[in-house]
Amino acid sequence: MMSPKPDLILDLAGVVATNFSPFFWEALASKYNIPKKKLHNFKNDVRYDLWTGQLEEREFWYKMGEEFCIPLKETKQLLLSFIHPLPASIEIRNWSEYANIHILSNQRVEWVEPILRPIKGYLKSLTISSEAGCCKPQPEIYAKVKMELKSKNILYVDDQEKNFNEARTLG
């Protein structure tokens, strides 16, 4: 009897696609002459609710427009312009022959749909925080992914060190 394929869990931003966040906030500060500290505070204020889906995407843009008096359509296009596939996105098809591929990401699914569309057929599970209702590093989001795993041989790839502690705890 053949042993099951190993499970490969990949973060999206910074692993499969660009981590657009730092570039977006920097460009926003520069383009609209907004103090970085003010943007940083805004980002921290909305982060959890945005990533967990408690704050709808349209509400995020509305709050941003209210706070900074900037054109929202143009601002959203600016954000989307920083989201690009990384080489790992191309390899997922090949990797899926040797491993069960899972995506686990703090993200808005609306923003990364173009990245996900070509790889969805090769994924065993897709856990995006805005749909899951929880985000990394909360234990609940890792537990959701763990239910999808088929093997005891697991590799987790993330670009943020803080996201490994709970993954290690769950094995």
N, C-alpha and C. Protein backbone atom coordinates (compact mmCIF):
# COMPACT_ATOMS: atom_id res chain seq x y z
N MET A 1 0.84 -1.19 0.00
CA MET A 1 0.00 0.00 0.00
C MET A 1 0.88 1.25 0.00
N MET A 2 0.54 2.17 -0.87
CA MET A 2 1.30 3.41 -0.98
C MET A 2 0.91 4.37 0.13
N SER A 3 1.90 5.06 0.69
CA SER A 3 1.59 6.05 1.72
C SER A 3 0.98 7.28 1.05
N PRO A 4 0.13 8.01 1.80
CA PRO A 4 -0.51 9.19 1.20
C PRO A 4 0.52 10.25 0.84
N LYS A 5 0.13 11.07 -0.12
CA LYS A 5 0.99 12.21 -0.49
C LYS A 5 1.17 13.10 0.73
N PRO A 6 2.33 13.75 0.83
CA PRO A 6 2.49 14.73 1.91
C PRO A 6 1.57 15.94 1.65
N ASP A 7 1.33 16.70 2.69
CA ASP A 7 0.53 17.92 2.58
C ASP A 7 1.46 19.12 2.58
N LEU A 8 1.26 19.99 1.60
CA LEU A 8 2.03 21.22 1.47
C LEU A 8 1.08 22.39 1.66
N ILE A 9 1.27 23.14 2.74
CA ILE A 9 0.43 24.29 3.05
C ILE A 9 1.21 25.55 2.71
N LEU A 10 0.64 26.36 1.84
CA LEU A 10 1.31 27.58 1.37
C LEU A 10 0.53 28.82 1.77
N ASP A 11 1.24 29.80 2.25
CA ASP A 11 0.67 31.13 2.43
C ASP A 11 0.50 31.72 1.03
N LEU A 12 -0.38 32.68 0.91
CA LEU A 12 -0.59 33.30 -0.39
C LEU A 12 0.35 34.50 -0.56
N ALA A 13 0.13 35.56 0.22
CA ALA A 13 0.94 36.77 0.08
C ALA A 13 2.36 36.53 0.60
N GLY A 14 3.30 36.69 -0.29
CA GLY A 14 4.71 36.51 0.05
C GLY A 14 5.25 35.15 -0.35
N VAL A 15 4.36 34.22 -0.74
CA VAL A 15 4.79 32.88 -1.14
C VAL A 15 4.28 32.56 -2.55
N VAL A 16 2.97 32.64 -2.76
CA VAL A 16 2.36 32.34 -4.05
C VAL A 16 2.16 33.63 -4.86
N ALA A 17 1.93 34.72 -4.16
CA ALA A 17 1.73 36.04 -4.79
C ALA A 17 2.52 37.08 -3.99
N THR A 18 2.71 38.22 -4.59
CA THR A 18 3.45 39.28 -3.91
C THR A 18 2.75 39.66 -2.61
N ASN A 19 3.56 40.03 -1.64
CA ASN A 19 3.02 40.60 -0.41
C ASN A 19 2.84 42.08 -0.69
N PHE A 20 1.66 42.41 -1.20
CA PHE A 20 1.40 43.75 -1.71
C PHE A 20 1.29 44.80 -0.62
N SER A 21 0.99 44.42 0.59
CA SER A 21 0.67 45.38 1.65
C SER A 21 1.70 46.48 1.84
N PRO A 22 2.97 46.17 2.06
CA PRO A 22 3.92 47.27 2.28
C PRO A 22 4.04 48.20 1.09
N PHE A 23 3.96 47.66 -0.11
CA PHE A 23 4.07 48.49 -1.32
C PHE A 23 2.85 49.40 -1.46
N PHE A 24 1.68 48.84 -1.18
CA PHE A 24 0.44 49.62 -1.30
C PHE A 24 0.44 50.79 -0.33
N TRP A 25 0.74 50.55 0.94
CA TRP A 25 0.68 51.62 1.94
C TRP A 25 1.74 52.69 1.65
N GLU A 26 2.90 52.26 1.19
CA GLU A 26 3.97 53.20 0.82
C GLU A 26 3.53 54.07 -0.36
N ALA A 27 2.97 53.45 -1.38
CA ALA A 27 2.51 54.18 -2.57
C ALA A 27 1.38 55.13 -2.21
N LEU A 28 0.48 54.70 -1.34
CA LEU A 28 -0.64 55.54 -0.91
C LEU A 28 -0.12 56.78 -0.19
N ALA A 29 0.83 56.59 0.70
CA ALA A 29 1.41 57.71 1.43
C ALA A 29 2.05 58.70 0.47
N SER A 30 2.79 58.17 -0.49
CA SER A 30 3.49 59.01 -1.45
C SER A 30 2.53 59.73 -2.41
N LYS A 31 1.61 58.99 -2.99
CA LYS A 31 0.71 59.54 -4.00
C LYS A 31 -0.22 60.62 -3.46
N TYR A 32 -0.72 60.41 -2.24
CA TYR A 32 -1.71 61.35 -1.68
C TYR A 32 -1.16 62.19 -0.53
N ASN A 33 0.16 62.11 -0.34
CA ASN A 33 0.82 62.90 0.70
C ASN A 33 0.16 62.70 2.07
N ILE A 34 -0.04 61.44 2.43
CA ILE A 34 -0.63 61.08 3.71
C ILE A 34 0.50 60.66 4.64
N PRO A 35 0.52 61.18 5.86
CA PRO A 35 1.58 60.76 6.80
C PRO A 35 1.55 59.25 7.04
N LYS A 36 2.72 58.64 6.97
CA LYS A 36 2.83 57.19 7.13
C LYS A 36 2.27 56.72 8.48
N LYS A 37 2.49 57.51 9.49
CA LYS A 37 1.99 57.15 10.83
C LYS A 37 0.46 57.06 10.82
N LYS A 38 -0.19 57.99 10.14
CA LYS A 38 -1.65 57.99 10.06
C LYS A 38 -2.15 56.75 9.30
N LEU A 39 -1.48 56.40 8.21
CA LEU A 39 -1.83 55.19 7.47
C LEU A 39 -1.59 53.93 8.29
N HIS A 40 -0.47 53.92 9.00
CA HIS A 40 -0.13 52.77 9.85
C HIS A 40 -1.22 52.56 10.92
N ASN A 41 -1.64 53.64 11.54
CA ASN A 41 -2.70 53.55 12.56
C ASN A 41 -4.01 53.05 11.96
N PHE A 42 -4.36 53.58 10.79
CA PHE A 42 -5.59 53.14 10.11
C PHE A 42 -5.51 51.64 9.79
N LYS A 43 -4.40 51.23 9.22
CA LYS A 43 -4.20 49.82 8.86
C LYS A 43 -4.35 48.93 10.09
N ASN A 44 -3.73 49.31 11.18
CA ASN A 44 -3.82 48.52 12.40
C ASN A 44 -5.23 48.50 12.97
N ASP A 45 -5.95 49.60 12.83
CA ASP A 45 -7.33 49.67 13.33
C ASP A 45 -8.28 48.74 12.57
N VAL A 46 -8.07 48.59 11.27
CA VAL A 46 -9.01 47.80 10.46
C VAL A 46 -8.53 46.38 10.16
N ARG A 47 -7.27 46.11 10.40
CA ARG A 47 -6.64 44.86 9.99
C ARG A 47 -7.44 43.62 10.38
N TYR A 48 -7.68 43.43 11.66
CA TYR A 48 -8.35 42.21 12.13
C TYR A 48 -9.73 42.07 11.51
N ASP A 49 -10.53 43.13 11.56
CA ASP A 49 -11.89 43.06 11.01
C ASP A 49 -11.89 42.84 9.51
N LEU A 50 -10.93 43.44 8.80
CA LEU A 50 -10.85 43.25 7.35
C LEU A 50 -10.47 41.82 7.01
N TRP A 51 -9.42 41.31 7.67
CA TRP A 51 -8.96 39.95 7.36
C TRP A 51 -9.96 38.88 7.76
N THR A 52 -10.75 39.11 8.81
CA THR A 52 -11.69 38.08 9.26
C THR A 52 -13.07 38.21 8.62
N GLY A 53 -13.24 39.18 7.75
CA GLY A 53 -14.51 39.34 7.06
C GLY A 53 -15.57 40.08 7.86
N GLN A 54 -15.22 40.53 9.06
CA GLN A 54 -16.18 41.31 9.86
C GLN A 54 -16.39 42.70 9.25
N LEU A 55 -15.40 43.17 8.54
CA LEU A 55 -15.48 44.42 7.79
C LEU A 55 -15.54 44.04 6.32
N GLU A 56 -16.65 44.32 5.68
CA GLU A 56 -16.79 44.02 4.26
C GLU A 56 -15.82 44.87 3.45
N GLU A 57 -15.45 44.38 2.29
CA GLU A 57 -14.50 45.10 1.45
C GLU A 57 -15.00 46.52 1.14
N ARG A 58 -16.26 46.64 0.76
CA ARG A 58 -16.79 47.98 0.41
C ARG A 58 -16.75 48.92 1.62
N GLU A 59 -16.95 48.37 2.83
CA GLU A 59 -16.86 49.18 4.04
C GLU A 59 -15.42 49.66 4.28
N PHE A 60 -14.47 48.79 3.97
CA PHE A 60 -13.06 49.16 4.09
C PHE A 60 -12.75 50.36 3.21
N TRP A 61 -13.19 50.29 1.93
CA TRP A 61 -12.91 51.38 1.01
C TRP A 61 -13.65 52.65 1.45
N TYR A 62 -14.86 52.51 1.95
CA TYR A 62 -15.63 53.66 2.43
C TYR A 62 -14.90 54.33 3.61
N LYS A 63 -14.45 53.51 4.57
CA LYS A 63 -13.73 54.05 5.74
C LYS A 63 -12.45 54.76 5.30
N MET A 64 -11.77 54.14 4.33
CA MET A 64 -10.53 54.74 3.84
C MET A 64 -10.81 56.08 3.18
N GLY A 65 -11.85 56.14 2.38
CA GLY A 65 -12.23 57.39 1.71
C GLY A 65 -12.61 58.47 2.70
N GLU A 66 -13.34 58.07 3.73
CA GLU A 66 -13.74 59.02 4.78
C GLU A 66 -12.53 59.55 5.52
N GLU A 67 -11.63 58.66 5.87
CA GLU A 67 -10.46 59.01 6.67
C GLU A 67 -9.47 59.88 5.91
N PHE A 68 -9.26 59.59 4.62
CA PHE A 68 -8.17 60.25 3.90
C PHE A 68 -8.62 61.11 2.71
N CYS A 69 -9.91 61.15 2.43
CA CYS A 69 -10.44 61.95 1.31
C CYS A 69 -9.69 61.66 0.01
N ILE A 70 -9.69 60.39 -0.38
CA ILE A 70 -9.00 59.96 -1.60
C ILE A 70 -10.00 59.24 -2.51
N PRO A 71 -9.75 59.24 -3.82
CA PRO A 71 -10.67 58.57 -4.75
C PRO A 71 -10.58 57.04 -4.61
N LEU A 72 -11.68 56.44 -4.24
CA LEU A 72 -11.66 55.02 -3.89
C LEU A 72 -11.39 54.09 -5.07
N LYS A 73 -11.99 54.36 -6.22
CA LYS A 73 -11.77 53.48 -7.38
C LYS A 73 -10.29 53.47 -7.75
N GLU A 74 -9.70 54.64 -7.76
CA GLU A 74 -8.27 54.75 -8.09
C GLU A 74 -7.41 54.07 -7.02
N THR A 75 -7.82 54.18 -5.77
CA THR A 75 -7.07 53.59 -4.66
C THR A 75 -7.14 52.06 -4.72
N LYS A 76 -8.31 51.54 -5.03
CA LYS A 76 -8.45 50.09 -5.16
C LYS A 76 -7.61 49.58 -6.32
N GLN A 77 -7.61 50.31 -7.43
CA GLN A 77 -6.79 49.91 -8.58
C GLN A 77 -5.30 49.94 -8.20
N LEU A 78 -4.91 50.90 -7.36
CA LEU A 78 -3.53 50.97 -6.89
C LEU A 78 -3.19 49.71 -6.10
N LEU A 79 -4.06 49.32 -5.19
CA LEU A 79 -3.82 48.11 -4.40
C LEU A 79 -3.69 46.89 -5.31
N LEU A 80 -4.64 46.72 -6.21
CA LEU A 80 -4.63 45.56 -7.10
C LEU A 80 -3.40 45.52 -8.01
N SER A 81 -2.85 46.69 -8.31
CA SER A 81 -1.68 46.74 -9.18
C SER A 81 -0.43 46.12 -8.54
N PHE A 82 -0.46 45.94 -7.23
CA PHE A 82 0.68 45.35 -6.53
C PHE A 82 0.55 43.85 -6.32
N ILE A 83 -0.55 43.24 -6.74
CA ILE A 83 -0.76 41.81 -6.53
C ILE A 83 -0.41 41.06 -7.82
N HIS A 84 0.68 40.31 -7.74
CA HIS A 84 1.18 39.56 -8.90
C HIS A 84 1.54 38.15 -8.46
N PRO A 85 1.42 37.19 -9.37
CA PRO A 85 1.85 35.83 -9.02
C PRO A 85 3.37 35.77 -8.89
N LEU A 86 3.81 34.94 -7.96
CA LEU A 86 5.23 34.65 -7.79
C LEU A 86 5.52 33.29 -8.44
N PRO A 87 6.77 32.92 -8.61
CA PRO A 87 7.09 31.65 -9.27
C PRO A 87 6.39 30.43 -8.67
N ALA A 88 6.14 30.42 -7.38
CA ALA A 88 5.46 29.28 -6.76
C ALA A 88 4.09 29.03 -7.38
N SER A 89 3.41 30.08 -7.82
CA SER A 89 2.07 29.90 -8.40
C SER A 89 2.12 29.05 -9.67
N ILE A 90 3.21 29.16 -10.40
CA ILE A 90 3.38 28.38 -11.62
C ILE A 90 3.70 26.92 -11.29
N GLU A 91 4.40 26.70 -10.19
CA GLU A 91 4.83 25.36 -9.80
C GLU A 91 3.74 24.53 -9.13
N ILE A 92 2.66 25.17 -8.68
CA ILE A 92 1.62 24.44 -7.94
C ILE A 92 1.08 23.26 -8.75
N ARG A 93 0.90 23.44 -10.02
CA ARG A 93 0.42 22.34 -10.87
C ARG A 93 1.35 21.13 -10.77
N ASN A 94 2.64 21.37 -10.91
CA ASN A 94 3.62 20.27 -10.82
C ASN A 94 3.67 19.70 -9.40
N TRP A 95 3.70 20.56 -8.41
CA TRP A 95 3.78 20.10 -7.03
C TRP A 95 2.58 19.24 -6.65
N SER A 96 1.42 19.54 -7.25
CA SER A 96 0.21 18.79 -6.89
C SER A 96 0.30 17.31 -7.27
N GLU A 97 1.23 16.96 -8.16
CA GLU A 97 1.44 15.55 -8.50
C GLU A 97 2.11 14.80 -7.35
N TYR A 98 2.83 15.52 -6.50
CA TYR A 98 3.63 14.90 -5.44
C TYR A 98 3.13 15.22 -4.03
N ALA A 99 2.24 16.22 -3.92
CA ALA A 99 1.76 16.64 -2.60
C ALA A 99 0.33 17.17 -2.71
N ASN A 100 -0.39 17.06 -1.61
CA ASN A 100 -1.70 17.71 -1.50
C ASN A 100 -1.44 19.17 -1.18
N ILE A 101 -1.87 20.07 -2.04
CA ILE A 101 -1.58 21.49 -1.89
C ILE A 101 -2.75 22.19 -1.20
N HIS A 102 -2.42 22.98 -0.19
CA HIS A 102 -3.40 23.75 0.57
C HIS A 102 -2.94 25.21 0.62
N ILE A 103 -3.87 26.13 0.54
CA ILE A 103 -3.57 27.55 0.71
C ILE A 103 -4.17 27.99 2.03
N LEU A 104 -3.38 28.70 2.83
CA LEU A 104 -3.81 29.28 4.10
C LEU A 104 -3.31 30.72 4.12
N SER A 105 -4.23 31.68 4.11
CA SER A 105 -3.79 33.06 3.97
C SER A 105 -4.70 34.06 4.67
N ASN A 106 -4.10 35.08 5.24
CA ASN A 106 -4.83 36.26 5.70
C ASN A 106 -5.00 37.14 4.47
N GLN A 107 -6.24 37.22 4.02
CA GLN A 107 -6.45 37.89 2.74
C GLN A 107 -7.92 38.21 2.52
N ARG A 108 -8.17 39.07 1.57
CA ARG A 108 -9.52 39.31 1.04
C ARG A 108 -9.60 38.51 -0.25
N VAL A 109 -10.52 37.59 -0.31
CA VAL A 109 -10.62 36.73 -1.49
C VAL A 109 -10.87 37.55 -2.75
N GLU A 110 -11.57 38.67 -2.63
CA GLU A 110 -11.85 39.52 -3.78
C GLU A 110 -10.58 40.03 -4.44
N TRP A 111 -9.56 40.26 -3.64
CA TRP A 111 -8.32 40.84 -4.14
C TRP A 111 -7.41 39.81 -4.80
N VAL A 112 -7.54 38.57 -4.41
CA VAL A 112 -6.61 37.55 -4.91
C VAL A 112 -7.26 36.55 -5.87
N GLU A 113 -8.50 36.76 -6.20
CA GLU A 113 -9.20 35.85 -7.12
C GLU A 113 -8.43 35.63 -8.43
N PRO A 114 -7.86 36.67 -9.05
CA PRO A 114 -7.10 36.42 -10.29
C PRO A 114 -5.89 35.50 -10.09
N ILE A 115 -5.29 35.52 -8.91
CA ILE A 115 -4.16 34.63 -8.61
C ILE A 115 -4.67 33.21 -8.38
N LEU A 116 -5.81 33.10 -7.70
CA LEU A 116 -6.35 31.78 -7.35
C LEU A 116 -6.99 31.04 -8.52
N ARG A 117 -7.61 31.77 -9.42
CA ARG A 117 -8.37 31.16 -10.51
C ARG A 117 -7.58 30.06 -11.24
N PRO A 118 -6.35 30.32 -11.70
CA PRO A 118 -5.65 29.28 -12.47
C PRO A 118 -5.14 28.10 -11.63
N ILE A 119 -5.09 28.24 -10.30
CA ILE A 119 -4.54 27.15 -9.48
C ILE A 119 -5.59 26.39 -8.67
N LYS A 120 -6.81 26.88 -8.64
CA LYS A 120 -7.85 26.25 -7.79
C LYS A 120 -8.00 24.76 -8.04
N GLY A 121 -7.92 24.34 -9.27
CA GLY A 121 -8.09 22.93 -9.60
C GLY A 121 -7.00 22.02 -9.04
N TYR A 122 -5.90 22.59 -8.60
CA TYR A 122 -4.78 21.81 -8.07
C TYR A 122 -4.73 21.84 -6.55
N LEU A 123 -5.67 22.54 -5.92
CA LEU A 123 -5.68 22.70 -4.48
C LEU A 123 -6.60 21.69 -3.81
N LYS A 124 -6.15 21.14 -2.69
CA LYS A 124 -7.01 20.27 -1.88
C LYS A 124 -7.88 21.11 -0.95
N SER A 125 -7.36 22.26 -0.53
CA SER A 125 -8.18 23.16 0.29
C SER A 125 -7.69 24.59 0.12
N LEU A 126 -8.61 25.49 0.36
CA LEU A 126 -8.35 26.93 0.24
C LEU A 126 -8.97 27.59 1.47
N THR A 127 -8.12 28.09 2.35
CA THR A 127 -8.59 28.73 3.58
C THR A 127 -8.13 30.18 3.55
N ILE A 128 -9.07 31.06 3.26
CA ILE A 128 -8.81 32.49 3.20
C ILE A 128 -9.50 33.14 4.39
N SER A 129 -8.77 33.92 5.15
CA SER A 129 -9.27 34.46 6.41
C SER A 129 -10.59 35.21 6.29
N SER A 130 -10.77 35.98 5.22
CA SER A 130 -12.01 36.77 5.09
C SER A 130 -13.24 35.87 4.95
N GLU A 131 -13.05 34.64 4.50
CA GLU A 131 -14.14 33.67 4.40
C GLU A 131 -14.19 32.77 5.63
N ALA A 132 -13.05 32.53 6.26
CA ALA A 132 -12.97 31.63 7.41
C ALA A 132 -13.48 32.28 8.70
N GLY A 133 -13.44 33.61 8.75
CA GLY A 133 -13.90 34.32 9.95
C GLY A 133 -12.86 34.38 11.06
N CYS A 134 -11.65 33.97 10.75
CA CYS A 134 -10.54 34.05 11.69
C CYS A 134 -9.27 34.22 10.87
N CYS A 135 -8.19 34.61 11.53
CA CYS A 135 -6.95 34.85 10.77
C CYS A 135 -5.73 34.38 11.54
N LYS A 136 -4.66 34.20 10.78
CA LYS A 136 -3.38 33.83 11.41
C LYS A 136 -2.93 35.00 12.28
N PRO A 137 -2.41 34.75 13.42
CA PRO A 137 -2.00 33.47 14.00
C PRO A 137 -3.03 32.84 14.95
N GLN A 138 -4.31 33.08 14.78
CA GLN A 138 -5.32 32.47 15.65
C GLN A 138 -5.36 30.95 15.45
N PRO A 139 -5.47 30.19 16.53
CA PRO A 139 -5.51 28.72 16.43
C PRO A 139 -6.65 28.21 15.55
N GLU A 140 -7.78 28.90 15.53
CA GLU A 140 -8.95 28.42 14.80
C GLU A 140 -8.70 28.25 13.30
N ILE A 141 -7.92 29.15 12.72
CA ILE A 141 -7.70 29.05 11.27
C ILE A 141 -6.79 27.87 10.93
N TYR A 142 -5.83 27.59 11.82
CA TYR A 142 -4.97 26.43 11.60
C TYR A 142 -5.76 25.13 11.78
N ALA A 143 -6.69 25.14 12.73
CA ALA A 143 -7.53 23.96 12.96
C ALA A 143 -8.39 23.67 11.74
N LYS A 144 -8.87 24.71 11.06
CA LYS A 144 -9.67 24.53 9.84
C LYS A 144 -8.85 23.82 8.76
N VAL A 145 -7.61 24.22 8.62
CA VAL A 145 -6.75 23.58 7.61
C VAL A 145 -6.39 22.16 8.03
N LYS A 146 -6.12 21.98 9.32
CA LYS A 146 -5.74 20.65 9.80
C LYS A 146 -6.81 19.61 9.47
N MET A 147 -8.07 20.00 9.49
CA MET A 147 -9.16 19.07 9.16
C MET A 147 -9.08 18.59 7.71
N GLU A 148 -8.40 19.35 6.85
CA GLU A 148 -8.28 19.01 5.43
C GLU A 148 -7.06 18.14 5.11
N LEU A 149 -6.18 17.97 6.06
CA LEU A 149 -4.93 17.26 5.81
C LEU A 149 -5.14 15.75 5.74
N LYS A 150 -4.39 15.12 4.86
CA LYS A 150 -4.52 13.68 4.62
C LYS A 150 -3.31 12.89 5.11
N SER A 151 -2.27 13.57 5.52
CA SER A 151 -1.00 12.92 5.81
C SER A 151 -0.45 13.43 7.14
N LYS A 152 0.51 12.71 7.65
CA LYS A 152 1.23 13.18 8.85
C LYS A 152 2.52 13.89 8.43
N ASN A 153 2.81 13.84 7.13
CA ASN A 153 3.98 14.48 6.57
C ASN A 153 3.55 15.84 6.01
N ILE A 154 3.82 16.90 6.77
CA ILE A 154 3.28 18.23 6.45
C ILE A 154 4.42 19.25 6.36
N LEU A 155 4.36 20.06 5.33
CA LEU A 155 5.29 21.18 5.18
C LEU A 155 4.45 22.45 5.08
N TYR A 156 4.77 23.42 5.92
CA TYR A 156 4.05 24.70 5.94
C TYR A 156 5.02 25.80 5.54
N VAL A 157 4.65 26.58 4.51
CA VAL A 157 5.51 27.65 4.00
C VAL A 157 4.79 28.98 4.17
N ASP A 158 5.42 29.89 4.89
CA ASP A 158 4.86 31.21 5.16
C ASP A 158 6.02 32.20 5.20
N ASP A 159 5.75 33.45 4.87
CA ASP A 159 6.82 34.45 4.89
C ASP A 159 6.86 35.25 6.19
N GLN A 160 5.99 34.91 7.14
CA GLN A 160 5.93 35.63 8.41
C GLN A 160 6.24 34.66 9.56
N GLU A 161 7.33 34.88 10.24
CA GLU A 161 7.75 34.01 11.34
C GLU A 161 6.66 33.84 12.40
N LYS A 162 5.92 34.90 12.68
CA LYS A 162 4.88 34.85 13.73
C LYS A 162 3.79 33.84 13.42
N ASN A 163 3.67 33.42 12.18
CA ASN A 163 2.62 32.47 11.80
C ASN A 163 3.01 31.01 12.00
N PHE A 164 4.24 30.74 12.40
CA PHE A 164 4.68 29.36 12.57
C PHE A 164 4.38 28.78 13.95
N ASN A 165 4.27 29.62 14.98
CA ASN A 165 4.11 29.10 16.34
C ASN A 165 2.89 28.21 16.47
N GLU A 166 1.74 28.67 16.03
CA GLU A 166 0.53 27.86 16.16
C GLU A 166 0.59 26.63 15.26
N ALA A 167 1.18 26.76 14.10
CA ALA A 167 1.33 25.61 13.21
C ALA A 167 2.18 24.54 13.88
N ARG A 168 3.25 24.94 14.54
CA ARG A 168 4.11 24.00 15.26
C ARG A 168 3.33 23.32 16.38
N THR A 169 2.52 24.08 17.09
CA THR A 169 1.72 23.54 18.20
C THR A 169 0.80 22.43 17.70
N LEU A 170 0.23 22.61 16.52
CA LEU A 170 -0.69 21.61 15.97
C LEU A 170 0.05 20.48 15.25
N GLY A 171 1.36 20.60 15.15
CA GLY A 171 2.14 19.52 14.53
C GLY A 171 2.35 19.72 13.05
